[in-house]
Amino acid sequence: MARKAPEFNRKSANWPTDPAALSFVERQIEFGFLGELPSIALPTVPRYLVTYMNSQTGGRTRSATVVTVTNQSNSINRVFVSFYKGFTTNASPVAVLAFAIPPEFTVDFSSRNLPGELTTTNSVASPELVFDEGRAIVSSMWPEIGVSARVYYTSGENDSQLLAITDSKVVVYGAGNRGD
């Protein structure tokens, strides 16, 4: 049975327009080197802690957390972002997102879907997180990853108005920060 190629939004802001880059991305998809991983895949080594995650849709102010990961290794890197509620242990994530990222590629993991005008996300929690606050842990096969995280605050039924974007602190897992 042939493996089905993953679906990608080819009109999104992060889709390449340069012919050489477009050809490269299409080959990566065709060979199965780029795409979401099955949910049965288990996270590998925890690398970074995102100290604050917020994903809400119930009030006047809505929020969603986006974690951006760039693969800096020379190999495809299996990356996992696990979201946790604040008063829980690391044994019970509310969502785990997984992606096979080719070298030099960047992928955005999101706690819930946001309009493309705000940011393009490549992997969204399913089900989406709509009443969660806590942290996220970024795990990967290879240690050479770059990580950033931010919380988008919006209003309107469809997140139609951007209110603010805040950066979440990212620290090396198990090491804490240096007071910065």
N, C-alpha and C. Protein backbone atom coordinates (compact mmCIF):
# COMPACT_ATOMS: atom_id res chain seq x y z
N MET A 1 0.84 -1.18 0.00
CA MET A 1 0.00 0.00 0.00
C MET A 1 0.89 1.24 0.00
N ALA A 2 0.64 2.16 -0.91
CA ALA A 2 1.44 3.38 -1.04
C ALA A 2 1.13 4.33 0.11
N ARG A 3 2.17 4.99 0.57
CA ARG A 3 2.01 5.95 1.65
C ARG A 3 1.45 7.25 1.10
N LYS A 4 0.42 7.78 1.76
CA LYS A 4 -0.22 9.02 1.30
C LYS A 4 0.63 10.21 1.73
N ALA A 5 0.90 11.11 0.78
CA ALA A 5 1.67 12.32 1.08
C ALA A 5 0.84 13.25 1.97
N PRO A 6 1.47 13.92 2.95
CA PRO A 6 0.73 14.82 3.82
C PRO A 6 0.21 16.03 3.05
N GLU A 7 -0.88 16.59 3.54
CA GLU A 7 -1.47 17.78 2.93
C GLU A 7 -0.77 19.03 3.47
N PHE A 8 -0.46 19.97 2.60
CA PHE A 8 0.15 21.23 3.00
C PHE A 8 -0.60 22.36 2.33
N ASN A 9 -0.69 23.49 3.02
CA ASN A 9 -1.33 24.67 2.45
C ASN A 9 -0.31 25.35 1.54
N ARG A 10 -0.44 25.12 0.26
CA ARG A 10 0.54 25.62 -0.71
C ARG A 10 0.39 27.12 -0.97
N LYS A 11 -0.61 27.74 -0.38
CA LYS A 11 -0.80 29.19 -0.52
C LYS A 11 -0.41 29.94 0.75
N SER A 12 0.12 29.22 1.74
CA SER A 12 0.47 29.86 3.00
C SER A 12 1.72 30.72 2.85
N ALA A 13 1.93 31.58 3.83
CA ALA A 13 3.04 32.54 3.79
C ALA A 13 4.40 31.86 3.82
N ASN A 14 4.48 30.66 4.41
CA ASN A 14 5.80 30.03 4.51
C ASN A 14 6.06 29.01 3.39
N TRP A 15 5.19 28.93 2.39
CA TRP A 15 5.41 28.04 1.26
C TRP A 15 6.39 28.70 0.29
N PRO A 16 7.44 27.98 -0.17
CA PRO A 16 8.45 28.62 -1.02
C PRO A 16 7.89 29.02 -2.39
N THR A 17 8.40 30.13 -2.92
CA THR A 17 8.03 30.57 -4.26
C THR A 17 9.19 30.41 -5.24
N ASP A 18 10.41 30.37 -4.73
CA ASP A 18 11.58 30.14 -5.56
C ASP A 18 11.49 28.74 -6.17
N PRO A 19 11.65 28.59 -7.49
CA PRO A 19 11.50 27.28 -8.14
C PRO A 19 12.41 26.19 -7.55
N ALA A 20 13.65 26.51 -7.25
CA ALA A 20 14.57 25.50 -6.70
C ALA A 20 14.11 25.07 -5.30
N ALA A 21 13.72 26.03 -4.47
CA ALA A 21 13.25 25.72 -3.12
C ALA A 21 11.95 24.92 -3.18
N LEU A 22 11.06 25.30 -4.09
CA LEU A 22 9.79 24.60 -4.24
C LEU A 22 10.02 23.14 -4.66
N SER A 23 10.92 22.92 -5.59
CA SER A 23 11.26 21.57 -6.03
C SER A 23 11.83 20.75 -4.88
N PHE A 24 12.69 21.36 -4.06
CA PHE A 24 13.29 20.68 -2.92
C PHE A 24 12.22 20.27 -1.92
N VAL A 25 11.31 21.18 -1.58
CA VAL A 25 10.25 20.88 -0.62
C VAL A 25 9.35 19.76 -1.14
N GLU A 26 8.98 19.82 -2.41
CA GLU A 26 8.12 18.79 -2.98
C GLU A 26 8.79 17.41 -2.95
N ARG A 27 10.11 17.36 -3.18
CA ARG A 27 10.84 16.09 -3.08
C ARG A 27 10.84 15.58 -1.65
N GLN A 28 11.03 16.48 -0.68
CA GLN A 28 11.03 16.07 0.73
C GLN A 28 9.68 15.46 1.12
N ILE A 29 8.59 16.07 0.64
CA ILE A 29 7.25 15.55 0.91
C ILE A 29 7.06 14.20 0.23
N GLU A 30 7.46 14.12 -1.04
CA GLU A 30 7.29 12.89 -1.81
C GLU A 30 8.02 11.71 -1.18
N PHE A 31 9.22 11.93 -0.66
CA PHE A 31 9.99 10.86 -0.04
C PHE A 31 9.57 10.59 1.40
N GLY A 32 8.66 11.40 1.94
CA GLY A 32 8.20 11.20 3.30
C GLY A 32 9.12 11.76 4.36
N PHE A 33 10.00 12.68 3.96
CA PHE A 33 10.94 13.27 4.90
C PHE A 33 10.37 14.49 5.62
N LEU A 34 9.27 15.01 5.15
CA LEU A 34 8.67 16.21 5.73
C LEU A 34 7.21 15.91 6.02
N GLY A 35 6.81 16.14 7.25
CA GLY A 35 5.40 15.94 7.57
C GLY A 35 5.18 15.57 9.01
N GLU A 36 3.91 15.58 9.38
CA GLU A 36 3.54 15.21 10.75
C GLU A 36 3.79 13.73 10.97
N LEU A 37 4.15 13.39 12.19
CA LEU A 37 4.39 12.00 12.55
C LEU A 37 3.13 11.41 13.16
N PRO A 38 2.99 10.09 13.14
CA PRO A 38 1.81 9.49 13.77
C PRO A 38 1.80 9.77 15.26
N SER A 39 0.60 9.85 15.81
CA SER A 39 0.47 10.18 17.23
C SER A 39 1.01 9.08 18.13
N ILE A 40 1.25 7.89 17.61
CA ILE A 40 1.79 6.82 18.43
C ILE A 40 3.29 6.96 18.66
N ALA A 41 3.95 7.82 17.89
CA ALA A 41 5.38 8.05 18.08
C ALA A 41 5.61 8.70 19.44
N LEU A 42 6.61 8.23 20.15
CA LEU A 42 6.87 8.76 21.48
C LEU A 42 7.96 9.83 21.43
N PRO A 43 7.84 10.87 22.27
CA PRO A 43 8.88 11.90 22.30
C PRO A 43 10.23 11.29 22.65
N THR A 44 11.27 11.92 22.13
CA THR A 44 12.61 11.44 22.41
C THR A 44 13.17 12.21 23.61
N VAL A 45 14.30 12.85 23.48
CA VAL A 45 14.96 13.51 24.61
C VAL A 45 14.40 14.92 24.81
N PRO A 46 13.94 15.25 26.04
CA PRO A 46 13.48 16.62 26.30
C PRO A 46 14.67 17.58 26.17
N ARG A 47 14.49 18.65 25.38
CA ARG A 47 15.58 19.61 25.14
C ARG A 47 15.30 20.97 25.77
N TYR A 48 14.05 21.46 25.63
CA TYR A 48 13.71 22.81 26.10
C TYR A 48 12.37 22.82 26.81
N LEU A 49 12.26 23.73 27.76
CA LEU A 49 11.02 23.99 28.47
C LEU A 49 10.52 25.37 28.07
N VAL A 50 9.29 25.44 27.57
CA VAL A 50 8.62 26.72 27.32
C VAL A 50 7.87 27.00 28.61
N THR A 51 8.28 28.05 29.32
CA THR A 51 7.79 28.24 30.69
C THR A 51 6.35 28.71 30.78
N TYR A 52 5.77 29.22 29.69
CA TYR A 52 4.38 29.66 29.75
C TYR A 52 3.65 29.34 28.46
N MET A 53 2.51 28.66 28.61
CA MET A 53 1.62 28.33 27.50
C MET A 53 0.22 28.75 27.90
N ASN A 54 -0.50 29.40 26.98
CA ASN A 54 -1.88 29.80 27.24
C ASN A 54 -2.68 29.59 25.96
N SER A 55 -3.81 28.91 26.08
CA SER A 55 -4.67 28.64 24.92
C SER A 55 -6.12 28.66 25.39
N GLN A 56 -6.82 29.76 25.11
CA GLN A 56 -8.18 29.98 25.62
C GLN A 56 -9.08 30.51 24.51
N THR A 57 -10.36 30.14 24.57
CA THR A 57 -11.32 30.69 23.61
C THR A 57 -12.63 31.13 24.28
N GLY A 58 -12.75 30.95 25.59
CA GLY A 58 -14.02 31.17 26.27
C GLY A 58 -14.37 32.61 26.62
N GLY A 59 -13.41 33.47 26.79
CA GLY A 59 -13.70 34.83 27.23
C GLY A 59 -13.61 35.84 26.11
N ARG A 60 -13.62 37.12 26.50
CA ARG A 60 -13.48 38.18 25.49
C ARG A 60 -12.09 38.17 24.87
N THR A 61 -11.10 37.83 25.68
CA THR A 61 -9.73 37.72 25.17
C THR A 61 -9.42 36.25 24.93
N ARG A 62 -9.01 35.95 23.72
CA ARG A 62 -8.66 34.59 23.33
C ARG A 62 -7.13 34.50 23.23
N SER A 63 -6.60 33.29 23.30
CA SER A 63 -5.15 33.13 23.20
C SER A 63 -4.79 31.81 22.55
N ALA A 64 -3.58 31.75 22.04
CA ALA A 64 -3.02 30.53 21.47
C ALA A 64 -1.50 30.62 21.58
N THR A 65 -0.86 29.49 21.84
CA THR A 65 0.59 29.45 21.95
C THR A 65 1.18 28.79 20.71
N VAL A 66 2.22 29.42 20.16
CA VAL A 66 2.92 28.89 19.00
C VAL A 66 4.39 28.68 19.39
N VAL A 67 4.87 27.46 19.16
CA VAL A 67 6.27 27.11 19.42
C VAL A 67 6.93 26.88 18.07
N THR A 68 7.99 27.63 17.79
CA THR A 68 8.71 27.52 16.52
C THR A 68 9.99 26.75 16.74
N VAL A 69 10.23 25.74 15.89
CA VAL A 69 11.43 24.92 16.00
C VAL A 69 12.13 24.88 14.65
N THR A 70 13.44 25.19 14.66
CA THR A 70 14.27 25.09 13.47
C THR A 70 15.25 23.94 13.65
N ASN A 71 15.29 23.04 12.68
CA ASN A 71 16.21 21.92 12.72
C ASN A 71 17.58 22.39 12.23
N GLN A 72 18.55 22.38 13.12
CA GLN A 72 19.91 22.79 12.77
C GLN A 72 20.85 21.60 12.57
N SER A 73 20.31 20.37 12.69
CA SER A 73 21.15 19.19 12.49
C SER A 73 21.28 18.91 10.99
N ASN A 74 22.17 18.00 10.65
CA ASN A 74 22.36 17.62 9.25
C ASN A 74 21.44 16.49 8.83
N SER A 75 20.58 16.03 9.73
CA SER A 75 19.68 14.91 9.45
C SER A 75 18.24 15.33 9.72
N ILE A 76 17.31 14.55 9.21
CA ILE A 76 15.91 14.77 9.55
C ILE A 76 15.78 14.61 11.06
N ASN A 77 15.09 15.51 11.69
CA ASN A 77 14.96 15.51 13.15
C ASN A 77 13.50 15.33 13.51
N ARG A 78 13.22 14.30 14.28
CA ARG A 78 11.86 14.09 14.78
C ARG A 78 11.69 14.93 16.02
N VAL A 79 10.77 15.90 15.94
CA VAL A 79 10.59 16.88 17.01
C VAL A 79 9.17 16.73 17.57
N PHE A 80 9.07 16.85 18.89
CA PHE A 80 7.79 16.73 19.59
C PHE A 80 7.59 17.94 20.49
N VAL A 81 6.40 18.49 20.48
CA VAL A 81 6.03 19.55 21.41
C VAL A 81 4.87 19.01 22.24
N SER A 82 5.10 18.91 23.54
CA SER A 82 4.09 18.40 24.46
C SER A 82 3.58 19.55 25.32
N PHE A 83 2.27 19.77 25.33
CA PHE A 83 1.65 20.81 26.13
C PHE A 83 1.11 20.21 27.43
N TYR A 84 1.35 20.91 28.55
CA TYR A 84 0.92 20.46 29.87
C TYR A 84 0.15 21.56 30.58
N LYS A 85 -0.87 21.18 31.36
CA LYS A 85 -1.54 22.14 32.22
C LYS A 85 -0.62 22.45 33.39
N GLY A 86 -0.83 23.62 34.01
CA GLY A 86 0.06 24.09 35.05
C GLY A 86 0.20 23.19 36.26
N PHE A 87 -0.90 22.68 36.78
CA PHE A 87 -0.85 21.86 37.99
C PHE A 87 -0.92 20.37 37.66
N THR A 88 -0.04 19.93 36.74
CA THR A 88 0.06 18.51 36.41
C THR A 88 1.53 18.14 36.31
N THR A 89 1.79 16.84 36.36
CA THR A 89 3.16 16.36 36.19
C THR A 89 3.46 16.22 34.71
N ASN A 90 4.71 15.92 34.40
CA ASN A 90 5.12 15.72 33.02
C ASN A 90 4.68 14.36 32.48
N ALA A 91 3.90 13.63 33.25
CA ALA A 91 3.41 12.32 32.81
C ALA A 91 2.10 12.41 32.04
N SER A 92 1.45 13.59 32.08
CA SER A 92 0.11 13.67 31.48
C SER A 92 -0.07 14.92 30.60
N PRO A 93 0.49 14.90 29.38
CA PRO A 93 0.31 16.05 28.49
C PRO A 93 -1.15 16.14 28.02
N VAL A 94 -1.61 17.37 27.76
CA VAL A 94 -2.95 17.55 27.20
C VAL A 94 -2.90 17.44 25.68
N ALA A 95 -1.73 17.58 25.09
CA ALA A 95 -1.55 17.41 23.64
C ALA A 95 -0.08 17.17 23.35
N VAL A 96 0.18 16.32 22.35
CA VAL A 96 1.54 16.08 21.87
C VAL A 96 1.52 16.22 20.36
N LEU A 97 2.34 17.12 19.85
CA LEU A 97 2.45 17.34 18.41
C LEU A 97 3.81 16.82 17.97
N ALA A 98 3.87 16.18 16.82
CA ALA A 98 5.11 15.58 16.33
C ALA A 98 5.29 15.91 14.86
N PHE A 99 6.55 16.14 14.48
CA PHE A 99 6.84 16.49 13.10
C PHE A 99 8.24 16.03 12.74
N ALA A 100 8.41 15.48 11.54
CA ALA A 100 9.74 15.14 11.00
C ALA A 100 10.21 16.36 10.22
N ILE A 101 11.27 17.00 10.71
CA ILE A 101 11.74 18.25 10.12
C ILE A 101 13.07 18.02 9.40
N PRO A 102 13.13 18.29 8.09
CA PRO A 102 14.40 18.16 7.37
C PRO A 102 15.41 19.22 7.84
N PRO A 103 16.70 19.03 7.54
CA PRO A 103 17.71 20.01 7.92
C PRO A 103 17.36 21.40 7.39
N GLU A 104 17.61 22.41 8.21
CA GLU A 104 17.43 23.83 7.90
C GLU A 104 15.98 24.26 7.76
N PHE A 105 15.01 23.39 8.04
CA PHE A 105 13.60 23.74 7.96
C PHE A 105 13.11 24.25 9.31
N THR A 106 12.07 25.08 9.27
CA THR A 106 11.43 25.61 10.46
C THR A 106 9.97 25.20 10.45
N VAL A 107 9.47 24.75 11.60
CA VAL A 107 8.08 24.32 11.73
C VAL A 107 7.46 25.03 12.93
N ASP A 108 6.20 25.47 12.76
CA ASP A 108 5.44 26.10 13.84
C ASP A 108 4.42 25.11 14.38
N PHE A 109 4.47 24.87 15.70
CA PHE A 109 3.53 24.01 16.41
C PHE A 109 2.57 24.93 17.18
N SER A 110 1.27 24.67 17.12
CA SER A 110 0.32 25.57 17.76
C SER A 110 -0.67 24.82 18.65
N SER A 111 -1.04 25.47 19.74
CA SER A 111 -2.01 24.88 20.67
C SER A 111 -3.42 24.85 20.08
N ARG A 112 -3.68 25.75 19.13
CA ARG A 112 -4.95 25.75 18.39
C ARG A 112 -4.74 26.53 17.11
N ASN A 113 -5.68 26.42 16.21
CA ASN A 113 -5.55 27.05 14.91
C ASN A 113 -5.72 28.57 15.01
N LEU A 114 -4.94 29.30 14.27
CA LEU A 114 -5.03 30.76 14.19
C LEU A 114 -5.17 31.16 12.73
N PRO A 115 -5.74 32.34 12.46
CA PRO A 115 -5.84 32.79 11.07
C PRO A 115 -4.46 32.94 10.43
N GLY A 116 -4.37 32.60 9.16
CA GLY A 116 -3.11 32.71 8.43
C GLY A 116 -2.56 34.11 8.39
N GLU A 117 -3.42 35.12 8.55
CA GLU A 117 -2.94 36.50 8.57
C GLU A 117 -2.10 36.79 9.81
N LEU A 118 -2.31 36.02 10.89
CA LEU A 118 -1.51 36.21 12.11
C LEU A 118 -0.23 35.41 12.06
N THR A 119 -0.35 34.14 11.73
CA THR A 119 0.81 33.25 11.62
C THR A 119 0.39 31.98 10.92
N THR A 120 1.32 31.38 10.23
CA THR A 120 1.06 30.11 9.58
C THR A 120 1.58 29.00 10.48
N THR A 121 0.73 28.06 10.83
CA THR A 121 1.16 26.95 11.67
C THR A 121 1.18 25.67 10.85
N ASN A 122 2.12 24.80 11.17
CA ASN A 122 2.28 23.56 10.43
C ASN A 122 1.71 22.35 11.17
N SER A 123 1.61 22.45 12.49
CA SER A 123 1.10 21.35 13.29
C SER A 123 0.24 21.94 14.40
N VAL A 124 -1.04 21.51 14.46
CA VAL A 124 -2.00 22.07 15.42
C VAL A 124 -2.50 20.95 16.32
N ALA A 125 -2.62 21.23 17.61
CA ALA A 125 -3.13 20.25 18.57
C ALA A 125 -4.51 19.75 18.14
N SER A 126 -4.73 18.46 18.30
CA SER A 126 -6.03 17.87 17.99
C SER A 126 -6.43 16.94 19.12
N PRO A 127 -7.49 17.26 19.84
CA PRO A 127 -8.33 18.44 19.64
C PRO A 127 -7.58 19.71 20.08
N GLU A 128 -8.03 20.83 19.52
CA GLU A 128 -7.41 22.11 19.85
C GLU A 128 -7.58 22.40 21.35
N LEU A 129 -6.58 23.07 21.92
CA LEU A 129 -6.64 23.43 23.34
C LEU A 129 -7.42 24.74 23.48
N VAL A 130 -8.51 24.71 24.25
CA VAL A 130 -9.39 25.87 24.34
C VAL A 130 -9.57 26.39 25.76
N PHE A 131 -9.03 25.69 26.76
CA PHE A 131 -9.14 26.14 28.14
C PHE A 131 -7.94 25.61 28.92
N ASP A 132 -6.75 26.02 28.48
CA ASP A 132 -5.53 25.45 29.04
C ASP A 132 -4.48 26.54 29.29
N GLU A 133 -3.81 26.39 30.41
CA GLU A 133 -2.69 27.26 30.75
C GLU A 133 -1.65 26.40 31.42
N GLY A 134 -0.38 26.59 31.07
CA GLY A 134 0.66 25.78 31.66
C GLY A 134 2.00 25.98 31.00
N ARG A 135 2.57 24.88 30.47
CA ARG A 135 3.91 24.91 29.90
C ARG A 135 3.98 23.95 28.71
N ALA A 136 5.10 23.97 28.02
CA ALA A 136 5.33 23.02 26.92
C ALA A 136 6.76 22.51 27.03
N ILE A 137 6.96 21.28 26.62
CA ILE A 137 8.30 20.69 26.57
C ILE A 137 8.58 20.31 25.12
N VAL A 138 9.75 20.74 24.64
CA VAL A 138 10.17 20.44 23.27
C VAL A 138 11.21 19.33 23.35
N SER A 139 10.92 18.22 22.67
CA SER A 139 11.82 17.07 22.64
C SER A 139 12.24 16.82 21.20
N SER A 140 13.39 16.19 21.03
CA SER A 140 13.84 15.90 19.67
C SER A 140 14.79 14.71 19.66
N MET A 141 14.96 14.16 18.48
CA MET A 141 15.91 13.08 18.29
C MET A 141 17.33 13.60 18.40
N TRP A 142 17.60 14.71 17.71
CA TRP A 142 18.93 15.31 17.70
C TRP A 142 18.90 16.62 18.47
N PRO A 143 19.98 16.98 19.16
CA PRO A 143 19.97 18.18 20.01
C PRO A 143 20.05 19.51 19.26
N GLU A 144 20.42 19.49 17.99
CA GLU A 144 20.65 20.74 17.26
C GLU A 144 19.33 21.34 16.77
N ILE A 145 18.61 21.98 17.68
CA ILE A 145 17.37 22.67 17.32
C ILE A 145 17.40 24.08 17.92
N GLY A 146 16.75 24.99 17.24
CA GLY A 146 16.54 26.34 17.75
C GLY A 146 15.05 26.46 18.08
N VAL A 147 14.73 27.06 19.24
CA VAL A 147 13.34 27.12 19.69
C VAL A 147 12.98 28.53 20.13
N SER A 148 11.80 28.98 19.72
CA SER A 148 11.21 30.21 20.26
C SER A 148 9.74 29.93 20.49
N ALA A 149 9.11 30.73 21.34
CA ALA A 149 7.69 30.53 21.62
C ALA A 149 7.04 31.87 21.91
N ARG A 150 5.76 31.97 21.55
CA ARG A 150 5.02 33.20 21.79
C ARG A 150 3.54 32.87 21.99
N VAL A 151 2.87 33.77 22.71
CA VAL A 151 1.43 33.65 22.92
C VAL A 151 0.76 34.78 22.16
N TYR A 152 -0.20 34.43 21.33
CA TYR A 152 -1.01 35.40 20.58
C TYR A 152 -2.29 35.66 21.37
N TYR A 153 -2.60 36.92 21.62
CA TYR A 153 -3.84 37.31 22.28
C TYR A 153 -4.72 38.00 21.25
N THR A 154 -5.95 37.52 21.12
CA THR A 154 -6.86 38.02 20.10
C THR A 154 -8.24 38.27 20.70
N SER A 155 -9.12 38.85 19.90
CA SER A 155 -10.53 38.96 20.26
C SER A 155 -11.35 38.68 19.01
N GLY A 156 -12.62 38.49 19.20
CA GLY A 156 -13.50 38.17 18.07
C GLY A 156 -13.67 36.67 17.93
N GLU A 157 -14.82 36.27 17.46
CA GLU A 157 -15.17 34.85 17.34
C GLU A 157 -14.14 34.06 16.54
N ASN A 158 -13.56 34.65 15.52
CA ASN A 158 -12.59 33.96 14.68
C ASN A 158 -11.19 34.54 14.83
N ASP A 159 -10.89 35.07 16.02
CA ASP A 159 -9.58 35.68 16.27
C ASP A 159 -9.30 36.80 15.28
N SER A 160 -10.33 37.57 14.97
CA SER A 160 -10.24 38.59 13.92
C SER A 160 -9.42 39.81 14.31
N GLN A 161 -9.24 40.05 15.60
CA GLN A 161 -8.47 41.23 16.02
C GLN A 161 -7.30 40.80 16.89
N LEU A 162 -6.10 41.17 16.47
CA LEU A 162 -4.89 40.89 17.24
C LEU A 162 -4.76 41.93 18.34
N LEU A 163 -4.65 41.48 19.59
CA LEU A 163 -4.48 42.39 20.72
C LEU A 163 -3.02 42.51 21.14
N ALA A 164 -2.30 41.39 21.17
CA ALA A 164 -0.90 41.41 21.60
C ALA A 164 -0.22 40.10 21.25
N ILE A 165 1.10 40.14 21.21
CA ILE A 165 1.93 38.94 21.09
C ILE A 165 3.01 39.07 22.16
N THR A 166 3.13 38.04 23.00
CA THR A 166 4.17 38.05 24.03
C THR A 166 5.09 36.86 23.83
N ASP A 167 6.37 37.05 24.10
CA ASP A 167 7.32 35.96 24.03
C ASP A 167 7.28 35.16 25.32
N SER A 168 7.31 33.86 25.20
CA SER A 168 7.43 32.99 26.37
C SER A 168 8.89 32.65 26.57
N LYS A 169 9.30 32.53 27.80
CA LYS A 169 10.68 32.18 28.10
C LYS A 169 10.93 30.73 27.71
N VAL A 170 12.06 30.48 27.05
CA VAL A 170 12.48 29.13 26.68
C VAL A 170 13.80 28.87 27.38
N VAL A 171 13.85 27.80 28.17
CA VAL A 171 15.07 27.46 28.90
C VAL A 171 15.46 26.02 28.59
N VAL A 172 16.74 25.71 28.77
CA VAL A 172 17.22 24.35 28.59
C VAL A 172 16.51 23.47 29.61
N TYR A 173 15.99 22.35 29.15
CA TYR A 173 15.22 21.45 30.01
C TYR A 173 16.08 20.94 31.16
N GLY A 174 15.58 21.07 32.36
CA GLY A 174 16.27 20.59 33.55
C GLY A 174 17.36 21.51 34.06
N ALA A 175 17.60 22.65 33.40
CA ALA A 175 18.70 23.52 33.81
C ALA A 175 18.21 24.83 34.42
N GLY A 176 17.00 25.26 34.13
CA GLY A 176 16.52 26.54 34.64
C GLY A 176 17.17 27.70 33.91
N ASN A 177 16.73 28.90 34.27
CA ASN A 177 17.34 30.07 33.63
C ASN A 177 18.37 30.69 34.53
N ARG A 178 19.01 31.75 34.04
CA ARG A 178 20.08 32.40 34.80
C ARG A 178 19.62 33.73 35.37
N GLY A 179 18.33 33.83 35.69
CA GLY A 179 17.81 35.08 36.25
C GLY A 179 17.53 36.12 35.19
N ASP A 180 17.58 35.73 33.94
CA ASP A 180 17.32 36.69 32.86
C ASP A 180 15.86 36.70 32.46
